């Protein structure tokens, strides 16, 4: 059996690609279309060049959906932001290994704040960098684009990293989810899922389509 072929994929549309002039309606639309989570990309203009949203947007999204809010912190010093986003309604908080010299402590702080901790790694970061914290996390986010900008093409080398992480999970009897973020489209979703991914983040593929429900079905199938 191919890795993960018997598991349902979780589809998490990224609101970075939504129409922010009608954000509440956009969130309600993808929920009605059958998505599982809402993915929220937080950028601070330092860890990545762009600036996006803060806890206020998370709080606003929380008011219009009961779906899990998957908050991805692409920020420097994420420990300073954890409590604010958890209090705003984040169910999952992902921090970057590259931004956390004391990664284990940051993950502990996320759980203490009431959210599920996740660790994200950039395309050039080896899995070895996070092996020591895998028992602390609920999810690993494999970046399949360079963080900081929507609409980039999928980096093919991410497949090997996903498969390697899935292999580690089997060998260690781990329970962390594998999320893949960046360039996910219906055309490449199957190979990502077969490599071992549980959660597919899709921004422009969903919000740039004419039929959200059809796109979500295509991603999941």
N, C-alpha and C. Protein backbone atom coordinates (compact mmCIF):
# COMPACT_ATOMS: atom_id res chain seq x y z
N UNK A 1 0.85 -1.20 0.00
CA UNK A 1 0.00 0.00 0.00
C UNK A 1 0.88 1.25 0.00
N UNK A 2 0.54 2.22 -0.81
CA UNK A 2 1.30 3.45 -0.83
C UNK A 2 1.07 4.22 0.46
N UNK A 3 2.08 4.97 0.89
CA UNK A 3 2.02 5.71 2.14
C UNK A 3 0.78 6.60 2.16
N UNK A 4 -0.07 6.40 3.19
CA UNK A 4 -1.20 7.30 3.39
C UNK A 4 -2.36 7.10 2.44
N UNK A 5 -2.33 6.05 1.61
CA UNK A 5 -3.37 5.91 0.60
C UNK A 5 -4.73 5.56 1.20
N UNK A 6 -4.76 5.16 2.48
CA UNK A 6 -6.02 4.80 3.10
C UNK A 6 -6.57 5.89 4.01
N UNK A 7 -5.93 7.06 3.99
CA UNK A 7 -6.36 8.13 4.88
C UNK A 7 -6.96 9.28 4.10
N UNK A 8 -7.96 9.90 4.68
CA UNK A 8 -8.57 11.08 4.07
C UNK A 8 -7.62 12.26 4.20
N UNK A 9 -7.48 13.02 3.14
CA UNK A 9 -6.67 14.23 3.19
C UNK A 9 -7.45 15.36 3.86
N UNK A 10 -6.75 16.15 4.64
CA UNK A 10 -7.30 17.37 5.22
C UNK A 10 -6.94 18.52 4.29
N UNK A 11 -7.93 19.28 3.88
CA UNK A 11 -7.71 20.40 2.96
C UNK A 11 -7.86 21.70 3.74
N UNK A 12 -6.80 22.52 3.67
CA UNK A 12 -6.75 23.76 4.45
C UNK A 12 -6.51 24.95 3.53
N UNK A 13 -7.56 25.59 3.04
CA UNK A 13 -7.36 26.77 2.19
C UNK A 13 -6.67 27.90 2.95
N UNK A 14 -5.70 28.51 2.30
CA UNK A 14 -4.98 29.63 2.91
C UNK A 14 -5.66 30.94 2.55
N UNK A 15 -6.07 31.68 3.57
CA UNK A 15 -6.78 32.94 3.30
C UNK A 15 -5.87 34.02 2.75
N UNK A 16 -4.57 33.76 2.68
CA UNK A 16 -3.67 34.74 2.06
C UNK A 16 -4.10 35.05 0.63
N UNK A 17 -4.75 34.08 -0.02
CA UNK A 17 -5.19 34.25 -1.41
C UNK A 17 -6.67 34.64 -1.51
N UNK A 18 -7.33 34.83 -0.39
CA UNK A 18 -8.75 35.20 -0.41
C UNK A 18 -8.92 36.69 -0.72
N UNK A 19 -10.14 37.06 -1.02
CA UNK A 19 -10.49 38.47 -1.23
C UNK A 19 -10.73 39.08 0.15
N UNK A 20 -9.78 39.87 0.63
CA UNK A 20 -9.88 40.41 1.99
C UNK A 20 -10.98 41.46 2.13
N UNK A 21 -11.50 41.97 1.03
CA UNK A 21 -12.62 42.93 1.14
C UNK A 21 -13.90 42.22 1.56
N UNK A 22 -13.90 40.89 1.46
CA UNK A 22 -15.06 40.09 1.87
C UNK A 22 -14.59 38.82 2.54
N UNK A 23 -13.67 38.98 3.48
CA UNK A 23 -13.00 37.83 4.07
C UNK A 23 -13.96 36.88 4.77
N UNK A 24 -14.90 37.43 5.55
CA UNK A 24 -15.85 36.56 6.24
C UNK A 24 -16.63 35.69 5.27
N UNK A 25 -17.08 36.28 4.19
CA UNK A 25 -17.84 35.53 3.19
C UNK A 25 -16.97 34.49 2.51
N UNK A 26 -15.70 34.81 2.31
CA UNK A 26 -14.78 33.86 1.69
C UNK A 26 -14.57 32.64 2.60
N UNK A 27 -14.39 32.88 3.87
CA UNK A 27 -14.21 31.77 4.82
C UNK A 27 -15.47 30.91 4.86
N UNK A 28 -16.63 31.55 4.92
CA UNK A 28 -17.88 30.80 4.93
C UNK A 28 -18.05 30.00 3.64
N UNK A 29 -17.59 30.55 2.52
CA UNK A 29 -17.74 29.87 1.23
C UNK A 29 -16.88 28.62 1.16
N UNK A 30 -15.63 28.68 1.62
CA UNK A 30 -14.79 27.48 1.55
C UNK A 30 -15.24 26.43 2.57
N UNK A 31 -15.79 26.89 3.69
CA UNK A 31 -16.35 25.93 4.64
C UNK A 31 -17.54 25.20 4.02
N UNK A 32 -18.43 25.95 3.38
CA UNK A 32 -19.58 25.34 2.72
C UNK A 32 -19.15 24.44 1.58
N UNK A 33 -18.00 24.74 0.98
CA UNK A 33 -17.49 23.94 -0.14
C UNK A 33 -16.82 22.65 0.32
N UNK A 34 -16.65 22.48 1.63
CA UNK A 34 -16.17 21.20 2.13
C UNK A 34 -14.75 21.15 2.65
N UNK A 35 -14.12 22.30 2.87
CA UNK A 35 -12.76 22.26 3.40
C UNK A 35 -12.78 21.82 4.86
N UNK A 36 -11.62 21.49 5.39
CA UNK A 36 -11.52 20.95 6.75
C UNK A 36 -10.96 21.93 7.77
N UNK A 37 -9.98 22.71 7.37
CA UNK A 37 -9.34 23.71 8.22
C UNK A 37 -9.27 25.02 7.46
N UNK A 38 -8.98 26.09 8.20
CA UNK A 38 -8.64 27.38 7.60
C UNK A 38 -7.19 27.68 7.96
N UNK A 39 -6.38 27.94 6.94
CA UNK A 39 -4.95 28.21 7.14
C UNK A 39 -4.72 29.71 7.10
N UNK A 40 -4.00 30.22 8.09
CA UNK A 40 -3.76 31.66 8.21
C UNK A 40 -2.26 31.91 8.26
N UNK A 41 -1.75 32.58 7.25
CA UNK A 41 -0.31 32.87 7.16
C UNK A 41 -0.03 34.23 7.80
N UNK A 42 0.85 34.22 8.77
CA UNK A 42 1.24 35.44 9.49
C UNK A 42 2.67 35.77 9.12
N UNK A 43 2.88 36.94 8.54
CA UNK A 43 4.22 37.38 8.12
C UNK A 43 4.50 38.75 8.73
N UNK A 44 5.74 38.94 9.16
CA UNK A 44 6.06 40.14 9.94
C UNK A 44 6.95 41.16 9.24
N UNK A 45 7.34 40.90 7.98
CA UNK A 45 8.22 41.83 7.30
C UNK A 45 9.68 41.70 7.70
N UNK A 46 10.00 40.71 8.54
CA UNK A 46 11.38 40.50 8.98
C UNK A 46 11.85 39.08 8.62
N UNK A 47 11.17 38.07 9.14
CA UNK A 47 11.51 36.69 8.77
C UNK A 47 11.29 36.49 7.28
N UNK A 48 10.23 37.09 6.77
CA UNK A 48 9.98 37.17 5.33
C UNK A 48 9.70 38.64 5.00
N UNK A 49 9.87 39.07 3.76
CA UNK A 49 9.71 40.50 3.45
C UNK A 49 8.29 41.03 3.60
N UNK A 50 7.30 40.18 3.40
CA UNK A 50 5.93 40.64 3.41
C UNK A 50 5.38 40.79 4.84
N UNK A 51 4.32 41.60 4.94
CA UNK A 51 3.55 41.75 6.17
C UNK A 51 2.12 41.36 5.86
N UNK A 52 1.52 40.50 6.68
CA UNK A 52 0.14 40.09 6.38
C UNK A 52 -0.81 40.46 7.52
N UNK A 53 -1.06 39.54 8.45
CA UNK A 53 -2.15 39.74 9.41
C UNK A 53 -1.66 39.53 10.83
N UNK A 54 -2.51 39.98 11.78
CA UNK A 54 -2.21 39.79 13.19
C UNK A 54 -3.34 39.06 13.88
N UNK A 55 -3.32 39.03 15.21
CA UNK A 55 -4.36 38.32 15.96
C UNK A 55 -5.77 38.84 15.68
N UNK A 56 -5.91 40.10 15.31
CA UNK A 56 -7.25 40.64 15.04
C UNK A 56 -7.95 39.91 13.90
N UNK A 57 -7.21 39.54 12.87
CA UNK A 57 -7.80 38.79 11.75
C UNK A 57 -8.17 37.39 12.20
N UNK A 58 -7.31 36.77 13.00
CA UNK A 58 -7.64 35.44 13.53
C UNK A 58 -8.92 35.51 14.35
N UNK A 59 -9.04 36.54 15.17
CA UNK A 59 -10.24 36.71 16.00
C UNK A 59 -11.48 36.89 15.11
N UNK A 60 -11.34 37.65 14.03
CA UNK A 60 -12.47 37.88 13.13
C UNK A 60 -12.87 36.59 12.41
N UNK A 61 -11.89 35.82 11.96
CA UNK A 61 -12.19 34.55 11.29
C UNK A 61 -12.84 33.58 12.26
N UNK A 62 -12.38 33.58 13.50
CA UNK A 62 -12.96 32.69 14.51
C UNK A 62 -14.45 32.94 14.67
N UNK A 63 -14.89 34.17 14.47
CA UNK A 63 -16.31 34.51 14.64
C UNK A 63 -17.20 33.93 13.56
N UNK A 64 -16.61 33.58 12.40
CA UNK A 64 -17.46 33.14 11.29
C UNK A 64 -17.32 31.65 10.97
N UNK A 65 -16.46 30.94 11.72
CA UNK A 65 -16.33 29.51 11.46
C UNK A 65 -15.96 28.76 12.72
N UNK A 66 -16.36 27.49 12.77
CA UNK A 66 -15.95 26.60 13.85
C UNK A 66 -14.84 25.64 13.39
N UNK A 67 -14.43 25.77 12.15
CA UNK A 67 -13.36 24.93 11.65
C UNK A 67 -12.05 25.24 12.40
N UNK A 68 -11.16 24.25 12.52
CA UNK A 68 -9.86 24.51 13.13
C UNK A 68 -9.11 25.61 12.38
N UNK A 69 -8.51 26.52 13.14
CA UNK A 69 -7.70 27.58 12.56
C UNK A 69 -6.23 27.20 12.69
N UNK A 70 -5.59 27.05 11.56
CA UNK A 70 -4.21 26.60 11.44
C UNK A 70 -3.34 27.83 11.16
N UNK A 71 -2.68 28.34 12.20
CA UNK A 71 -1.96 29.61 12.11
C UNK A 71 -0.46 29.34 11.93
N UNK A 72 0.07 29.85 10.85
CA UNK A 72 1.47 29.62 10.46
C UNK A 72 2.25 30.91 10.68
N UNK A 73 3.09 30.92 11.71
CA UNK A 73 3.85 32.12 12.05
C UNK A 73 5.17 32.15 11.28
N UNK A 74 5.24 33.01 10.29
CA UNK A 74 6.49 33.26 9.56
C UNK A 74 7.05 34.58 10.09
N UNK A 75 7.52 34.52 11.33
CA UNK A 75 7.92 35.72 12.05
C UNK A 75 9.22 35.48 12.82
N UNK A 76 9.93 36.56 13.09
CA UNK A 76 11.05 36.49 14.01
C UNK A 76 10.52 36.50 15.43
N UNK A 77 11.22 35.88 16.34
CA UNK A 77 10.84 35.81 17.75
C UNK A 77 9.37 35.40 17.94
N UNK A 78 8.99 34.25 17.41
CA UNK A 78 7.58 33.84 17.51
C UNK A 78 7.10 33.68 18.95
N UNK A 79 8.01 33.46 19.88
CA UNK A 79 7.58 33.30 21.28
C UNK A 79 6.82 34.52 21.78
N UNK A 80 7.09 35.67 21.20
CA UNK A 80 6.40 36.90 21.62
C UNK A 80 4.96 36.96 21.10
N UNK A 81 4.63 36.13 20.13
CA UNK A 81 3.33 36.19 19.46
C UNK A 81 2.37 35.08 19.87
N UNK A 82 2.88 34.07 20.51
CA UNK A 82 2.09 32.85 20.73
C UNK A 82 0.82 33.11 21.53
N UNK A 83 0.93 33.74 22.66
CA UNK A 83 -0.24 33.94 23.53
C UNK A 83 -1.32 34.74 22.82
N UNK A 84 -0.93 35.76 22.08
CA UNK A 84 -1.91 36.58 21.38
C UNK A 84 -2.70 35.81 20.35
N UNK A 85 -2.02 34.98 19.58
CA UNK A 85 -2.73 34.20 18.55
C UNK A 85 -3.55 33.08 19.17
N UNK A 86 -3.05 32.45 20.20
CA UNK A 86 -3.83 31.41 20.87
C UNK A 86 -5.10 32.00 21.48
N UNK A 87 -4.97 33.15 22.10
CA UNK A 87 -6.13 33.80 22.71
C UNK A 87 -7.14 34.24 21.65
N UNK A 88 -6.65 34.56 20.46
CA UNK A 88 -7.54 35.01 19.39
C UNK A 88 -8.33 33.86 18.77
N UNK A 89 -7.91 32.61 19.03
CA UNK A 89 -8.67 31.48 18.52
C UNK A 89 -7.90 30.48 17.70
N UNK A 90 -6.57 30.62 17.63
CA UNK A 90 -5.79 29.64 16.87
C UNK A 90 -5.85 28.27 17.53
N UNK A 91 -6.17 27.25 16.75
CA UNK A 91 -6.17 25.88 17.26
C UNK A 91 -4.79 25.24 17.12
N UNK A 92 -4.11 25.57 16.06
CA UNK A 92 -2.77 25.06 15.77
C UNK A 92 -1.87 26.27 15.53
N UNK A 93 -0.68 26.25 16.10
CA UNK A 93 0.29 27.32 15.85
C UNK A 93 1.59 26.68 15.38
N UNK A 94 2.00 27.03 14.18
CA UNK A 94 3.26 26.52 13.62
C UNK A 94 4.31 27.61 13.66
N UNK A 95 5.50 27.24 14.13
CA UNK A 95 6.64 28.15 14.14
C UNK A 95 7.75 27.54 13.30
N UNK A 96 8.62 28.39 12.80
CA UNK A 96 9.70 27.91 11.95
C UNK A 96 10.92 27.52 12.77
N UNK A 97 11.47 26.37 12.44
CA UNK A 97 12.72 25.95 13.06
C UNK A 97 13.79 27.01 12.87
N UNK A 98 13.80 27.64 11.71
CA UNK A 98 14.84 28.62 11.38
C UNK A 98 14.74 29.89 12.22
N UNK A 99 13.58 30.12 12.84
CA UNK A 99 13.37 31.33 13.64
C UNK A 99 13.46 31.08 15.14
N UNK A 100 13.76 29.83 15.53
CA UNK A 100 13.67 29.46 16.95
C UNK A 100 14.96 28.81 17.45
N UNK A 101 15.88 29.59 17.99
CA UNK A 101 17.07 28.98 18.58
C UNK A 101 16.74 28.03 19.73
N UNK A 102 15.68 28.34 20.47
CA UNK A 102 15.22 27.47 21.57
C UNK A 102 13.89 26.85 21.17
N UNK A 103 13.91 26.02 20.13
CA UNK A 103 12.69 25.50 19.53
C UNK A 103 11.85 24.71 20.52
N UNK A 104 12.46 23.85 21.29
CA UNK A 104 11.72 23.02 22.24
C UNK A 104 10.91 23.88 23.22
N UNK A 105 11.51 24.95 23.70
CA UNK A 105 10.82 25.83 24.65
C UNK A 105 9.64 26.54 23.98
N UNK A 106 9.82 26.93 22.74
CA UNK A 106 8.73 27.60 22.02
C UNK A 106 7.55 26.65 21.82
N UNK A 107 7.84 25.41 21.47
CA UNK A 107 6.77 24.42 21.29
C UNK A 107 6.03 24.17 22.61
N UNK A 108 6.76 24.11 23.70
CA UNK A 108 6.13 23.96 25.01
C UNK A 108 5.22 25.14 25.31
N UNK A 109 5.66 26.33 24.94
CA UNK A 109 4.86 27.54 25.20
C UNK A 109 3.56 27.52 24.39
N UNK A 110 3.60 26.99 23.17
CA UNK A 110 2.39 26.90 22.36
C UNK A 110 1.37 25.99 23.04
N UNK A 111 1.82 24.84 23.50
CA UNK A 111 0.89 23.92 24.17
C UNK A 111 0.36 24.52 25.46
N UNK A 112 1.23 25.21 26.20
CA UNK A 112 0.81 25.84 27.45
C UNK A 112 -0.23 26.93 27.20
N UNK A 113 -0.18 27.55 26.03
CA UNK A 113 -1.15 28.60 25.69
C UNK A 113 -2.48 28.04 25.23
N UNK A 114 -2.55 26.72 25.05
CA UNK A 114 -3.81 26.08 24.70
C UNK A 114 -3.96 25.72 23.25
N UNK A 115 -2.88 25.84 22.47
CA UNK A 115 -2.93 25.47 21.05
C UNK A 115 -2.06 24.24 20.81
N UNK A 116 -2.25 23.63 19.66
CA UNK A 116 -1.42 22.47 19.28
C UNK A 116 -0.15 22.98 18.60
N UNK A 117 1.01 22.50 19.04
CA UNK A 117 2.26 22.99 18.45
C UNK A 117 2.63 22.27 17.16
N UNK A 118 3.16 23.06 16.22
CA UNK A 118 3.66 22.52 14.96
C UNK A 118 4.97 23.21 14.64
N UNK A 119 5.82 22.49 13.91
CA UNK A 119 7.09 23.07 13.47
C UNK A 119 7.12 23.07 11.95
N UNK A 120 7.54 24.18 11.38
CA UNK A 120 7.66 24.33 9.93
C UNK A 120 9.13 24.39 9.54
N UNK A 121 9.43 23.83 8.36
CA UNK A 121 10.80 23.88 7.86
C UNK A 121 10.81 24.36 6.41
N UNK A 122 11.76 25.23 6.11
CA UNK A 122 11.93 25.77 4.77
C UNK A 122 12.48 24.71 3.82
N UNK A 123 12.37 24.94 2.51
CA UNK A 123 12.83 23.93 1.55
C UNK A 123 14.28 23.50 1.73
N UNK A 124 15.14 24.40 2.16
CA UNK A 124 16.56 24.05 2.29
C UNK A 124 16.92 23.43 3.63
N UNK A 125 15.96 23.35 4.55
CA UNK A 125 16.24 22.84 5.90
C UNK A 125 16.08 21.32 5.93
N UNK A 126 17.11 20.64 6.43
CA UNK A 126 17.09 19.18 6.50
C UNK A 126 16.20 18.68 7.64
N UNK A 127 15.62 17.50 7.45
CA UNK A 127 14.80 16.90 8.50
C UNK A 127 15.57 16.70 9.80
N UNK A 128 16.86 16.49 9.68
CA UNK A 128 17.69 16.27 10.87
C UNK A 128 17.59 17.43 11.86
N UNK A 129 17.28 18.62 11.36
CA UNK A 129 17.19 19.80 12.22
C UNK A 129 16.02 19.73 13.21
N UNK A 130 15.01 18.89 12.90
CA UNK A 130 13.83 18.84 13.77
C UNK A 130 13.61 17.47 14.41
N UNK A 131 14.49 16.52 14.15
CA UNK A 131 14.28 15.18 14.69
C UNK A 131 14.18 15.19 16.21
N UNK A 132 14.88 16.08 16.86
CA UNK A 132 14.88 16.12 18.33
C UNK A 132 13.60 16.63 18.95
N UNK A 133 12.71 17.26 18.16
CA UNK A 133 11.47 17.80 18.73
C UNK A 133 10.23 17.10 18.21
N UNK A 134 10.38 16.07 17.40
CA UNK A 134 9.21 15.44 16.79
C UNK A 134 8.23 14.89 17.82
N UNK A 135 8.71 14.47 18.97
CA UNK A 135 7.82 13.96 20.00
C UNK A 135 7.02 15.06 20.69
N UNK A 136 7.37 16.32 20.43
CA UNK A 136 6.69 17.44 21.06
C UNK A 136 5.60 18.04 20.19
N UNK A 137 5.56 17.67 18.92
CA UNK A 137 4.68 18.38 18.00
C UNK A 137 3.48 17.54 17.59
N UNK A 138 2.42 18.23 17.23
CA UNK A 138 1.24 17.59 16.66
C UNK A 138 1.32 17.55 15.13
N UNK A 139 2.21 18.40 14.57
CA UNK A 139 2.27 18.48 13.12
C UNK A 139 3.62 19.04 12.69
N UNK A 140 4.07 18.58 11.52
CA UNK A 140 5.25 19.15 10.86
C UNK A 140 4.78 19.76 9.55
N UNK A 141 5.19 20.99 9.30
CA UNK A 141 4.84 21.69 8.07
C UNK A 141 6.04 21.68 7.14
N UNK A 142 5.91 20.98 6.03
CA UNK A 142 6.96 20.95 5.02
C UNK A 142 6.66 22.05 4.00
N UNK A 143 7.52 23.05 3.95
CA UNK A 143 7.34 24.13 2.98
C UNK A 143 7.80 23.64 1.61
N UNK A 144 6.90 23.73 0.64
CA UNK A 144 7.21 23.31 -0.72
C UNK A 144 7.36 24.51 -1.66
N UNK A 145 7.44 25.70 -1.06
CA UNK A 145 7.88 26.92 -1.72
C UNK A 145 8.72 27.68 -0.70
N UNK A 146 9.43 28.69 -1.15
CA UNK A 146 10.12 29.55 -0.21
C UNK A 146 9.09 30.47 0.44
N UNK A 147 9.09 30.56 1.78
CA UNK A 147 8.00 31.28 2.46
C UNK A 147 8.00 32.77 2.15
N UNK A 148 6.79 33.32 2.11
CA UNK A 148 6.68 34.76 2.01
C UNK A 148 5.84 35.30 0.87
N UNK A 149 5.41 34.44 -0.06
CA UNK A 149 4.66 34.95 -1.20
C UNK A 149 3.73 33.88 -1.72
N UNK A 150 2.49 34.26 -2.00
CA UNK A 150 1.51 33.32 -2.54
C UNK A 150 1.75 33.10 -4.02
N UNK A 151 1.27 31.97 -4.53
CA UNK A 151 1.26 31.72 -5.96
C UNK A 151 2.54 31.17 -6.54
N UNK A 152 3.49 30.70 -5.71
CA UNK A 152 4.74 30.16 -6.23
C UNK A 152 4.55 28.72 -6.73
N UNK A 153 5.48 28.28 -7.57
CA UNK A 153 5.45 26.91 -8.07
C UNK A 153 5.98 25.94 -7.02
N UNK A 154 5.44 24.76 -7.01
CA UNK A 154 5.83 23.69 -6.10
C UNK A 154 7.28 23.28 -6.35
N UNK A 155 8.05 23.15 -5.27
CA UNK A 155 9.44 22.70 -5.35
C UNK A 155 9.45 21.17 -5.26
N UNK A 156 9.86 20.51 -6.34
CA UNK A 156 9.73 19.06 -6.44
C UNK A 156 10.52 18.30 -5.38
N UNK A 157 11.61 18.87 -4.90
CA UNK A 157 12.41 18.17 -3.90
C UNK A 157 11.66 17.97 -2.59
N UNK A 158 10.54 18.68 -2.42
CA UNK A 158 9.73 18.50 -1.21
C UNK A 158 9.18 17.08 -1.11
N UNK A 159 8.97 16.42 -2.23
CA UNK A 159 8.43 15.06 -2.21
C UNK A 159 9.34 14.13 -1.42
N UNK A 160 10.63 14.22 -1.66
CA UNK A 160 11.58 13.37 -0.94
C UNK A 160 11.55 13.67 0.56
N UNK A 161 11.39 14.93 0.90
CA UNK A 161 11.35 15.30 2.32
C UNK A 161 10.08 14.78 2.99
N UNK A 162 8.95 14.87 2.29
CA UNK A 162 7.68 14.34 2.82
C UNK A 162 7.81 12.84 3.06
N UNK A 163 8.36 12.15 2.07
CA UNK A 163 8.52 10.69 2.19
C UNK A 163 9.46 10.34 3.33
N UNK A 164 10.52 11.10 3.49
CA UNK A 164 11.46 10.87 4.58
C UNK A 164 10.82 11.08 5.94
N UNK A 165 9.99 12.09 6.04
CA UNK A 165 9.29 12.36 7.30
C UNK A 165 8.27 11.27 7.61
N UNK A 166 7.59 10.79 6.57
CA UNK A 166 6.63 9.69 6.76
C UNK A 166 7.36 8.43 7.21
N UNK A 167 8.53 8.19 6.66
CA UNK A 167 9.33 7.03 7.06
C UNK A 167 9.75 7.14 8.53
N UNK A 168 10.18 8.32 8.93
CA UNK A 168 10.53 8.55 10.34
C UNK A 168 9.33 8.29 11.25
N UNK A 169 8.17 8.71 10.81
CA UNK A 169 6.95 8.52 11.61
C UNK A 169 6.66 7.03 11.80
N UNK A 170 6.79 6.26 10.73
CA UNK A 170 6.57 4.83 10.85
C UNK A 170 7.58 4.18 11.78
N UNK A 171 8.84 4.54 11.60
CA UNK A 171 9.91 3.92 12.38
C UNK A 171 9.80 4.26 13.87
N UNK A 172 9.35 5.46 14.16
CA UNK A 172 9.30 5.91 15.56
C UNK A 172 7.93 5.73 16.19
N UNK A 173 6.97 5.24 15.42
CA UNK A 173 5.61 5.11 15.94
C UNK A 173 5.02 6.46 16.28
N UNK A 174 5.38 7.48 15.51
CA UNK A 174 4.93 8.84 15.77
C UNK A 174 3.50 9.08 15.34
N UNK A 175 2.94 10.16 15.84
CA UNK A 175 1.54 10.48 15.53
C UNK A 175 1.38 11.88 14.94
N UNK A 176 2.50 12.54 14.64
CA UNK A 176 2.37 13.89 14.10
C UNK A 176 1.82 13.85 12.68
N UNK A 177 1.05 14.88 12.37
CA UNK A 177 0.55 15.05 11.01
C UNK A 177 1.64 15.67 10.15
N UNK A 178 1.56 15.41 8.86
CA UNK A 178 2.46 16.03 7.90
C UNK A 178 1.64 16.98 7.02
N UNK A 179 1.94 18.25 7.13
CA UNK A 179 1.27 19.27 6.32
C UNK A 179 2.23 19.76 5.25
N UNK A 180 1.72 19.99 4.06
CA UNK A 180 2.54 20.51 2.97
C UNK A 180 1.95 21.84 2.52
N UNK A 181 2.81 22.83 2.45
CA UNK A 181 2.36 24.21 2.23
C UNK A 181 3.17 24.83 1.10
N UNK A 182 2.46 25.12 -0.01
CA UNK A 182 3.10 25.86 -1.09
C UNK A 182 2.97 25.20 -2.45
N UNK A 183 2.28 25.87 -3.36
CA UNK A 183 2.19 25.38 -4.73
C UNK A 183 1.32 24.16 -4.92
N UNK A 184 0.46 23.86 -3.95
CA UNK A 184 -0.40 22.67 -4.05
C UNK A 184 -1.57 22.97 -4.99
N UNK A 185 -1.75 22.06 -5.95
CA UNK A 185 -2.82 22.17 -6.93
C UNK A 185 -3.40 20.77 -7.16
N UNK A 186 -4.58 20.68 -7.79
CA UNK A 186 -5.11 19.34 -8.08
C UNK A 186 -4.14 18.48 -8.89
N UNK A 187 -3.31 19.10 -9.72
CA UNK A 187 -2.40 18.33 -10.57
C UNK A 187 -1.28 17.65 -9.79
N UNK A 188 -0.88 18.22 -8.65
CA UNK A 188 0.21 17.60 -7.89
C UNK A 188 -0.21 17.06 -6.53
N UNK A 189 -1.47 17.21 -6.19
CA UNK A 189 -1.94 16.78 -4.86
C UNK A 189 -1.78 15.28 -4.66
N UNK A 190 -1.99 14.50 -5.69
CA UNK A 190 -1.91 13.04 -5.54
C UNK A 190 -0.51 12.59 -5.13
N UNK A 191 0.51 13.09 -5.81
CA UNK A 191 1.87 12.63 -5.48
C UNK A 191 2.30 13.13 -4.09
N UNK A 192 1.79 14.28 -3.69
CA UNK A 192 2.09 14.78 -2.34
C UNK A 192 1.43 13.88 -1.30
N UNK A 193 0.19 13.51 -1.54
CA UNK A 193 -0.52 12.63 -0.61
C UNK A 193 0.12 11.25 -0.58
N UNK A 194 0.50 10.72 -1.74
CA UNK A 194 1.10 9.39 -1.78
C UNK A 194 2.46 9.35 -1.10
N UNK A 195 3.15 10.49 -1.05
CA UNK A 195 4.43 10.56 -0.35
C UNK A 195 4.25 10.51 1.16
N UNK A 196 3.02 10.84 1.63
CA UNK A 196 2.75 10.74 3.06
C UNK A 196 2.08 11.93 3.69
N UNK A 197 1.71 12.95 2.90
CA UNK A 197 1.09 14.14 3.46
C UNK A 197 -0.33 13.87 3.94
N UNK A 198 -0.65 14.46 5.09
CA UNK A 198 -2.00 14.37 5.66
C UNK A 198 -2.81 15.63 5.39
N UNK A 199 -2.14 16.78 5.40
CA UNK A 199 -2.81 18.08 5.30
C UNK A 199 -2.23 18.83 4.11
N UNK A 200 -3.11 19.28 3.22
CA UNK A 200 -2.69 20.04 2.05
C UNK A 200 -3.18 21.47 2.18
N UNK A 201 -2.23 22.39 2.19
CA UNK A 201 -2.57 23.82 2.21
C UNK A 201 -2.64 24.29 0.77
N UNK A 202 -3.74 24.93 0.42
CA UNK A 202 -3.91 25.43 -0.95
C UNK A 202 -4.53 26.82 -0.88
N UNK A 203 -3.84 27.80 -1.43
CA UNK A 203 -4.34 29.16 -1.41
C UNK A 203 -4.92 29.57 -2.73
N UNK A 204 -4.05 29.92 -3.67
CA UNK A 204 -4.53 30.38 -4.98
C UNK A 204 -5.28 29.30 -5.73
N UNK A 205 -4.92 28.02 -5.50
CA UNK A 205 -5.63 26.93 -6.19
C UNK A 205 -7.11 26.93 -5.84
N UNK A 206 -7.43 27.25 -4.58
CA UNK A 206 -8.84 27.28 -4.16
C UNK A 206 -9.46 28.64 -4.44
N UNK A 207 -8.89 29.69 -3.85
CA UNK A 207 -9.52 31.00 -3.94
C UNK A 207 -9.42 31.61 -5.33
N UNK A 208 -8.52 31.08 -6.17
CA UNK A 208 -8.44 31.55 -7.54
C UNK A 208 -9.30 30.75 -8.51
N UNK A 209 -10.03 29.77 -7.98
CA UNK A 209 -10.87 28.93 -8.86
C UNK A 209 -12.29 29.45 -8.89
N UNK A 210 -13.02 29.03 -9.91
CA UNK A 210 -14.41 29.45 -10.05
C UNK A 210 -15.35 28.65 -9.15
N UNK A 211 -14.96 27.42 -8.86
CA UNK A 211 -15.82 26.53 -8.10
C UNK A 211 -15.02 25.96 -6.93
N UNK A 212 -15.16 26.56 -5.75
CA UNK A 212 -14.39 26.13 -4.59
C UNK A 212 -14.64 24.66 -4.26
N UNK A 213 -15.88 24.24 -4.31
CA UNK A 213 -16.22 22.86 -3.94
C UNK A 213 -15.56 21.86 -4.88
N UNK A 214 -15.59 22.14 -6.16
CA UNK A 214 -14.99 21.23 -7.14
C UNK A 214 -13.47 21.17 -6.94
N UNK A 215 -12.85 22.30 -6.68
CA UNK A 215 -11.41 22.32 -6.46
C UNK A 215 -11.03 21.56 -5.20
N UNK A 216 -11.78 21.72 -4.14
CA UNK A 216 -11.50 20.99 -2.91
C UNK A 216 -11.69 19.49 -3.11
N UNK A 217 -12.72 19.11 -3.85
CA UNK A 217 -12.91 17.68 -4.15
C UNK A 217 -11.72 17.14 -4.95
N UNK A 218 -11.26 17.93 -5.92
CA UNK A 218 -10.14 17.49 -6.75
C UNK A 218 -8.87 17.35 -5.93
N UNK A 219 -8.64 18.25 -5.01
CA UNK A 219 -7.47 18.18 -4.15
C UNK A 219 -7.53 16.94 -3.26
N UNK A 220 -8.69 16.63 -2.77
CA UNK A 220 -8.83 15.51 -1.84
C UNK A 220 -8.78 14.18 -2.57
N UNK A 221 -9.24 14.13 -3.79
CA UNK A 221 -9.30 12.85 -4.52
C UNK A 221 -7.98 12.50 -5.18
